[in-house]
Amino acid sequence: MNFSDYEFTKDVNFSGATFTGGANFRGAKFTGEAYFRGAKFTGEANFSGAMFMGRASFWGAVFMIEANFSGATFEKTANFKEATFSNYAFFRETTFTGKTDFSGAKFTGEADFSGATFKGEADFREASFLNYAFFRETKFLSEVYFTGAKFEKTADFKESMFTGGANFSGATFTGYAFF
């Protein structure tokens, strides 16, 4: 499915949808709200450079292959609560302006948030990172919560900036942790 550079001018609801094969939303612009709650992506999900002007919800979404949100912009709430990333999850250079929720999310493959900017509260409570987690040069400009998060391999926060509160209480680091 190819929505590359497409502009969605109204609210869109893909909740519960199954995208077989690749789903290309590269450079797409969502001017209204975008709902992908419980959606399943069986192939690569490419949202690189996409712009979400309204709320975006991927609550409980399942990404079976690569999920690429690198360079995307979320102007309002970004909800990835309880989402499952079974392979690579790229959020490099992504901008999150509003509240961002990854609580309970499960990252089986590498999770790369390098260079991302979180302007609003970021919630990673109880998130599971079963592979490498990269937050290198990431900017957390408000509160961030990693309460109860599990890092099974290396967690890399080198050169990251925390200007609000950072809560790692109850977080588990099984591999190396770099700050």
Foldseek 3Di string as FASTA:
>chain_A
DACDLPEAAEEDALDCAEAEAEAHPDNYEYCEEYHHDLYEYQYEYADDNYEYNYEYAPDQYEYQEEYAHDNYEYQEEYHPDLYEANEEYHHDLYEYQYEYEPDNYEYNYEYAHDNYEYNYEYEHDQYEHQYEYHHDQYEDNEEYEPHLYEAQEEYEHHNYYHNYHYYNHNYYHNYHYHD
